[in-house]
Amino acid sequence: MKWFPVTPAGSPLLWLAADTVDEAWAKLLDDAAPMPYDGRKGFEERGYTVEQLPASLAHDA
C-alpha cells in the first residue's frame, strides 16, 4: 500500500505515491506549487485528501 494525494473529484494523483501521509502531502505541495492555495490547509479546504491505495497504482510521471 502507498499514500496518494486525491483531487476533490476523487482522482488519485498516481505520480505522487508516497510511503507516508506527510510525504504524500509534501509531494502534492511541491507538484502544485504554482497553484494559489495556501499550503496543506488550503488544499484540504478545497477538498484534496491523501488516501492509502494499492502500491500497484503508482507510476512515475
PDB file of N, CA and C in Angstrom:
ATOM      1  N   MET A   1       0.852  -1.189   0.000  1.00  0.00           N
ATOM      2  CA  MET A   1       0.000   0.000   0.000  1.00  0.00           C
ATOM      3  C   MET A   1       0.894   1.246   0.000  1.00  0.00           C
ATOM      4  N   LYS A   2       0.397   2.278  -0.652  1.00  0.00           N
ATOM      5  CA  LYS A   2       1.067   3.577  -0.711  1.00  0.00           C
ATOM      6  C   LYS A   2       0.036   4.660  -0.405  1.00  0.00           C
ATOM      7  N   TRP A   3       0.527   5.845  -0.123  1.00  0.00           N
ATOM      8  CA  TRP A   3      -0.331   7.002   0.118  1.00  0.00           C
ATOM      9  C   TRP A   3      -0.312   7.881  -1.117  1.00  0.00           C
ATOM     10  N   PHE A   4      -1.508   8.310  -1.546  1.00  0.00           N
ATOM     11  CA  PHE A   4      -1.658   9.118  -2.750  1.00  0.00           C
ATOM     12  C   PHE A   4      -2.481  10.367  -2.449  1.00  0.00           C
ATOM     13  N   PRO A   5      -2.047  11.533  -2.939  1.00  0.00           N
ATOM     14  CA  PRO A   5      -2.936  12.687  -2.908  1.00  0.00           C
ATOM     15  C   PRO A   5      -4.115  12.404  -3.842  1.00  0.00           C
ATOM     16  N   VAL A   6      -5.293  12.883  -3.446  1.00  0.00           N
ATOM     17  CA  VAL A   6      -6.511  12.661  -4.229  1.00  0.00           C
ATOM     18  C   VAL A   6      -7.198  14.012  -4.436  1.00  0.00           C
ATOM     19  N   THR A   7      -7.586  14.276  -5.678  1.00  0.00           N
ATOM     20  CA  THR A   7      -8.232  15.545  -6.012  1.00  0.00           C
ATOM     21  C   THR A   7      -9.647  15.598  -5.434  1.00  0.00           C
ATOM     22  N   PRO A   8     -10.241  16.783  -5.419  1.00  0.00           N
ATOM     23  CA  PRO A   8     -11.626  16.901  -4.943  1.00  0.00           C
ATOM     24  C   PRO A   8     -12.605  16.051  -5.754  1.00  0.00           C
ATOM     25  N   ALA A   9     -12.274  15.767  -7.004  1.00  0.00           N
ATOM     26  CA  ALA A   9     -13.145  14.948  -7.853  1.00  0.00           C
ATOM     27  C   ALA A   9     -12.934  13.453  -7.617  1.00  0.00           C
ATOM     28  N   GLY A  10     -11.958  13.101  -6.765  1.00  0.00           N
ATOM     29  CA  GLY A  10     -11.731  11.701  -6.436  1.00  0.00           C
ATOM     30  C   GLY A  10     -10.662  11.009  -7.254  1.00  0.00           C
ATOM     31  N   SER A  11      -9.887  11.768  -8.016  1.00  0.00           N
ATOM     32  CA  SER A  11      -8.834  11.170  -8.837  1.00  0.00           C
ATOM     33  C   SER A  11      -7.526  11.101  -8.063  1.00  0.00           C
ATOM     34  N   PRO A  12      -6.966   9.912  -7.874  1.00  0.00           N
ATOM     35  CA  PRO A  12      -5.664   9.822  -7.219  1.00  0.00           C
ATOM     36  C   PRO A  12      -4.569  10.321  -8.161  1.00  0.00           C
ATOM     37  N   LEU A  13      -3.641  11.055  -7.618  1.00  0.00           N
ATOM     38  CA  LEU A  13      -2.508  11.565  -8.393  1.00  0.00           C
ATOM     39  C   LEU A  13      -1.411  10.499  -8.347  1.00  0.00           C
ATOM     40  N   LEU A  14      -1.450   9.611  -9.315  1.00  0.00           N
ATOM     41  CA  LEU A  14      -0.664   8.374  -9.299  1.00  0.00           C
ATOM     42  C   LEU A  14       0.839   8.601  -9.326  1.00  0.00           C
ATOM     43  N   TRP A  15       1.297   9.715  -9.846  1.00  0.00           N
ATOM     44  CA  TRP A  15       2.730  10.001  -9.905  1.00  0.00           C
ATOM     45  C   TRP A  15       3.261  10.572  -8.593  1.00  0.00           C
ATOM     46  N   LEU A  16       2.390  10.774  -7.607  1.00  0.00           N
ATOM     47  CA  LEU A  16       2.804  11.331  -6.316  1.00  0.00           C
ATOM     48  C   LEU A  16       2.709  10.305  -5.184  1.00  0.00           C
ATOM     49  N   ALA A  17       2.828   9.041  -5.509  1.00  0.00           N
ATOM     50  CA  ALA A  17       2.770   7.982  -4.493  1.00  0.00           C
ATOM     51  C   ALA A  17       3.866   8.189  -3.452  1.00  0.00           C
ATOM     52  N   ALA A  18       3.539   7.873  -2.209  1.00  0.00           N
ATOM     53  CA  ALA A  18       4.482   8.079  -1.107  1.00  0.00           C
ATOM     54  C   ALA A  18       4.330   6.976  -0.068  1.00  0.00           C
ATOM     55  N   ASP A  19       5.353   6.867   0.767  1.00  0.00           N
ATOM     56  CA  ASP A  19       5.332   5.858   1.821  1.00  0.00           C
ATOM     57  C   ASP A  19       4.610   6.317   3.076  1.00  0.00           C
ATOM     58  N   THR A  20       4.445   7.637   3.225  1.00  0.00           N
ATOM     59  CA  THR A  20       3.770   8.171   4.410  1.00  0.00           C
ATOM     60  C   THR A  20       2.789   9.262   3.999  1.00  0.00           C
ATOM     61  N   VAL A  21       1.863   9.569   4.883  1.00  0.00           N
ATOM     62  CA  VAL A  21       0.904  10.644   4.656  1.00  0.00           C
ATOM     63  C   VAL A  21       1.639  11.971   4.478  1.00  0.00           C
ATOM     64  N   ASP A  22       2.578  12.253   5.361  1.00  0.00           N
ATOM     65  CA  ASP A  22       3.299  13.529   5.296  1.00  0.00           C
ATOM     66  C   ASP A  22       4.085  13.659   3.999  1.00  0.00           C
ATOM     67  N   GLU A  23       4.678  12.567   3.544  1.00  0.00           N
ATOM     68  CA  GLU A  23       5.428  12.591   2.290  1.00  0.00           C
ATOM     69  C   GLU A  23       4.484  12.850   1.108  1.00  0.00           C
ATOM     70  N   ALA A  24       3.296  12.266   1.140  1.00  0.00           N
ATOM     71  CA  ALA A  24       2.324  12.489   0.065  1.00  0.00           C
ATOM     72  C   ALA A  24       1.903  13.957   0.015  1.00  0.00           C
ATOM     73  N   TRP A  25       1.644  14.553   1.181  1.00  0.00           N
ATOM     74  CA  TRP A  25       1.298  15.975   1.206  1.00  0.00           C
ATOM     75  C   TRP A  25       2.458  16.816   0.686  1.00  0.00           C
ATOM     76  N   ALA A  26       3.670  16.496   1.088  1.00  0.00           N
ATOM     77  CA  ALA A  26       4.840  17.258   0.637  1.00  0.00           C
ATOM     78  C   ALA A  26       4.992  17.172  -0.882  1.00  0.00           C
ATOM     79  N   LYS A  27       4.781  15.992  -1.437  1.00  0.00           N
ATOM     80  CA  LYS A  27       4.872  15.831  -2.886  1.00  0.00           C
ATOM     81  C   LYS A  27       3.792  16.638  -3.595  1.00  0.00           C
ATOM     82  N   LEU A  28       2.580  16.630  -3.054  1.00  0.00           N
ATOM     83  CA  LEU A  28       1.499  17.406  -3.649  1.00  0.00           C
ATOM     84  C   LEU A  28       1.828  18.894  -3.608  1.00  0.00           C
ATOM     85  N   LEU A  29       2.283  19.375  -2.466  1.00  0.00           N
ATOM     86  CA  LEU A  29       2.587  20.796  -2.338  1.00  0.00           C
ATOM     87  C   LEU A  29       3.709  21.214  -3.284  1.00  0.00           C
ATOM     88  N   ASP A  30       4.699  20.353  -3.480  1.00  0.00           N
ATOM     89  CA  ASP A  30       5.785  20.653  -4.406  1.00  0.00           C
ATOM     90  C   ASP A  30       5.274  20.648  -5.844  1.00  0.00           C
ATOM     91  N   ASP A  31       4.501  19.625  -6.199  1.00  0.00           N
ATOM     92  CA  ASP A  31       3.990  19.478  -7.559  1.00  0.00           C
ATOM     93  C   ASP A  31       3.035  20.616  -7.931  1.00  0.00           C
ATOM     94  N   ALA A  32       2.278  21.076  -6.973  1.00  0.00           N
ATOM     95  CA  ALA A  32       1.253  22.085  -7.229  1.00  0.00           C
ATOM     96  C   ALA A  32       1.662  23.475  -6.755  1.00  0.00           C
ATOM     97  N   ALA A  33       2.948  23.709  -6.612  1.00  0.00           N
ATOM     98  CA  ALA A  33       3.438  24.999  -6.112  1.00  0.00           C
ATOM     99  C   ALA A  33       2.882  26.204  -6.870  1.00  0.00           C
ATOM    100  N   PRO A  34       2.655  26.113  -8.187  1.00  0.00           N
ATOM    101  CA  PRO A  34       2.107  27.276  -8.903  1.00  0.00           C
ATOM    102  C   PRO A  34       0.641  27.584  -8.564  1.00  0.00           C
ATOM    103  N   MET A  35      -0.050  26.649  -7.950  1.00  0.00           N
ATOM    104  CA  MET A  35      -1.463  26.875  -7.634  1.00  0.00           C
ATOM    105  C   MET A  35      -1.578  27.853  -6.468  1.00  0.00           C
ATOM    106  N   PRO A  36      -2.596  28.697  -6.473  1.00  0.00           N
ATOM    107  CA  PRO A  36      -2.713  29.749  -5.458  1.00  0.00           C
ATOM    108  C   PRO A  36      -3.358  29.293  -4.148  1.00  0.00           C
ATOM    109  N   TYR A  37      -3.048  28.083  -3.692  1.00  0.00           N
ATOM    110  CA  TYR A  37      -3.616  27.588  -2.442  1.00  0.00           C
ATOM    111  C   TYR A  37      -2.592  27.765  -1.338  1.00  0.00           C
ATOM    112  N   ASP A  38      -3.057  28.073  -0.148  1.00  0.00           N
ATOM    113  CA  ASP A  38      -2.174  28.363   0.981  1.00  0.00           C
ATOM    114  C   ASP A  38      -1.779  27.082   1.712  1.00  0.00           C
ATOM    115  N   GLY A  39      -0.787  26.376   1.173  1.00  0.00           N
ATOM    116  CA  GLY A  39      -0.261  25.190   1.828  1.00  0.00           C
ATOM    117  C   GLY A  39      -1.275  24.067   1.967  1.00  0.00           C
ATOM    118  N   ARG A  40      -0.955  23.137   2.841  1.00  0.00           N
ATOM    119  CA  ARG A  40      -1.808  21.963   3.038  1.00  0.00           C
ATOM    120  C   ARG A  40      -3.228  22.360   3.427  1.00  0.00           C
ATOM    121  N   LYS A  41      -3.344  23.319   4.314  1.00  0.00           N
ATOM    122  CA  LYS A  41      -4.680  23.743   4.757  1.00  0.00           C
ATOM    123  C   LYS A  41      -5.521  24.229   3.582  1.00  0.00           C
ATOM    124  N   GLY A  42      -4.912  24.983   2.688  1.00  0.00           N
ATOM    125  CA  GLY A  42      -5.633  25.476   1.524  1.00  0.00           C
ATOM    126  C   GLY A  42      -6.117  24.349   0.627  1.00  0.00           C
ATOM    127  N   PHE A  43      -5.277  23.335   0.441  1.00  0.00           N
ATOM    128  CA  PHE A  43      -5.677  22.191  -0.365  1.00  0.00           C
ATOM    129  C   PHE A  43      -6.796  21.402   0.315  1.00  0.00           C
ATOM    130  N   GLU A  44      -6.683  21.219   1.625  1.00  0.00           N
ATOM    131  CA  GLU A  44      -7.725  20.496   2.353  1.00  0.00           C
ATOM    132  C   GLU A  44      -9.056  21.247   2.284  1.00  0.00           C
ATOM    133  N   GLU A  45      -9.008  22.570   2.386  1.00  0.00           N
ATOM    134  CA  GLU A  45     -10.236  23.365   2.314  1.00  0.00           C
ATOM    135  C   GLU A  45     -10.910  23.228   0.953  1.00  0.00           C
ATOM    136  N   ARG A  46     -10.142  22.948  -0.072  1.00  0.00           N
ATOM    137  CA  ARG A  46     -10.688  22.784  -1.424  1.00  0.00           C
ATOM    138  C   ARG A  46     -11.054  21.335  -1.731  1.00  0.00           C
ATOM    139  N   GLY A  47     -10.830  20.441  -0.773  1.00  0.00           N
ATOM    140  CA  GLY A  47     -11.284  19.071  -0.929  1.00  0.00           C
ATOM    141  C   GLY A  47     -10.230  18.038  -1.262  1.00  0.00           C
ATOM    142  N   TYR A  48      -8.959  18.426  -1.290  1.00  0.00           N
ATOM    143  CA  TYR A  48      -7.898  17.445  -1.517  1.00  0.00           C
ATOM    144  C   TYR A  48      -7.730  16.588  -0.265  1.00  0.00           C
ATOM    145  N   THR A  49      -7.410  15.315  -0.471  1.00  0.00           N
ATOM    146  CA  THR A  49      -7.150  14.396   0.626  1.00  0.00           C
ATOM    147  C   THR A  49      -5.921  13.570   0.283  1.00  0.00           C
ATOM    148  N   VAL A  50      -5.493  12.765   1.229  1.00  0.00           N
ATOM    149  CA  VAL A  50      -4.452  11.766   0.995  1.00  0.00           C
ATOM    150  C   VAL A  50      -5.036  10.440   1.447  1.00  0.00           C
ATOM    151  N   GLU A  51      -4.999   9.449   0.557  1.00  0.00           N
ATOM    152  CA  GLU A  51      -5.605   8.150   0.848  1.00  0.00           C
ATOM    153  C   GLU A  51      -4.622   7.022   0.568  1.00  0.00           C
ATOM    154  N   GLN A  52      -4.783   5.955   1.312  1.00  0.00           N
ATOM    155  CA  GLN A  52      -3.948   4.771   1.116  1.00  0.00           C
ATOM    156  C   GLN A  52      -4.614   3.868   0.077  1.00  0.00           C
ATOM    157  N   LEU A  53      -3.846   3.546  -0.964  1.00  0.00           N
ATOM    158  CA  LEU A  53      -4.327   2.736  -2.072  1.00  0.00           C
ATOM    159  C   LEU A  53      -3.258   1.701  -2.432  1.00  0.00           C
ATOM    160  N   PRO A  54      -3.597   0.705  -3.231  1.00  0.00           N
ATOM    161  CA  PRO A  54      -2.598  -0.305  -3.613  1.00  0.00           C
ATOM    162  C   PRO A  54      -1.385   0.314  -4.310  1.00  0.00           C
ATOM    163  N   ALA A  55      -0.218  -0.136  -3.913  1.00  0.00           N
ATOM    164  CA  ALA A  55       1.032   0.372  -4.486  1.00  0.00           C
ATOM    165  C   ALA A  55       1.108   0.133  -5.983  1.00  0.00           C
ATOM    166  N   SER A  56       0.410  -0.859  -6.472  1.00  0.00           N
ATOM    167  CA  SER A  56       0.449  -1.183  -7.895  1.00  0.00           C
ATOM    168  C   SER A  56      -0.094  -0.049  -8.765  1.00  0.00           C
ATOM    169  N   LEU A  57      -0.819   0.899  -8.180  1.00  0.00           N
ATOM    170  CA  LEU A  57      -1.351   2.029  -8.939  1.00  0.00           C
ATOM    171  C   LEU A  57      -0.274   3.073  -9.242  1.00  0.00           C
ATOM    172  N   ALA A  58       0.795   3.085  -8.455  1.00  0.00           N
ATOM    173  CA  ALA A  58       1.824   4.111  -8.569  1.00  0.00           C
ATOM    174  C   ALA A  58       2.558   4.003  -9.897  1.00  0.00           C
ATOM    175  N   HIS A  59       2.902   5.167 -10.423  1.00  0.00           N
ATOM    176  CA  HIS A  59       3.770   5.212 -11.602  1.00  0.00           C
ATOM    177  C   HIS A  59       4.536   6.522 -11.595  1.00  0.00           C
ATOM    178  N   ASP A  60       5.600   6.556 -12.347  1.00  0.00           N
ATOM    179  CA  ASP A  60       6.404   7.764 -12.463  1.00  0.00           C
ATOM    180  C   ASP A  60       5.781   8.700 -13.483  1.00  0.00           C
ATOM    181  N   ALA A  61       5.926   9.986 -13.240  1.00  0.00           N
ATOM    182  CA  ALA A  61       5.373  10.977 -14.184  1.00  0.00           C
ATOM    183  C   ALA A  61       6.212  11.016 -15.445  1.00  0.00           C
TER     184      ALA A  61
END
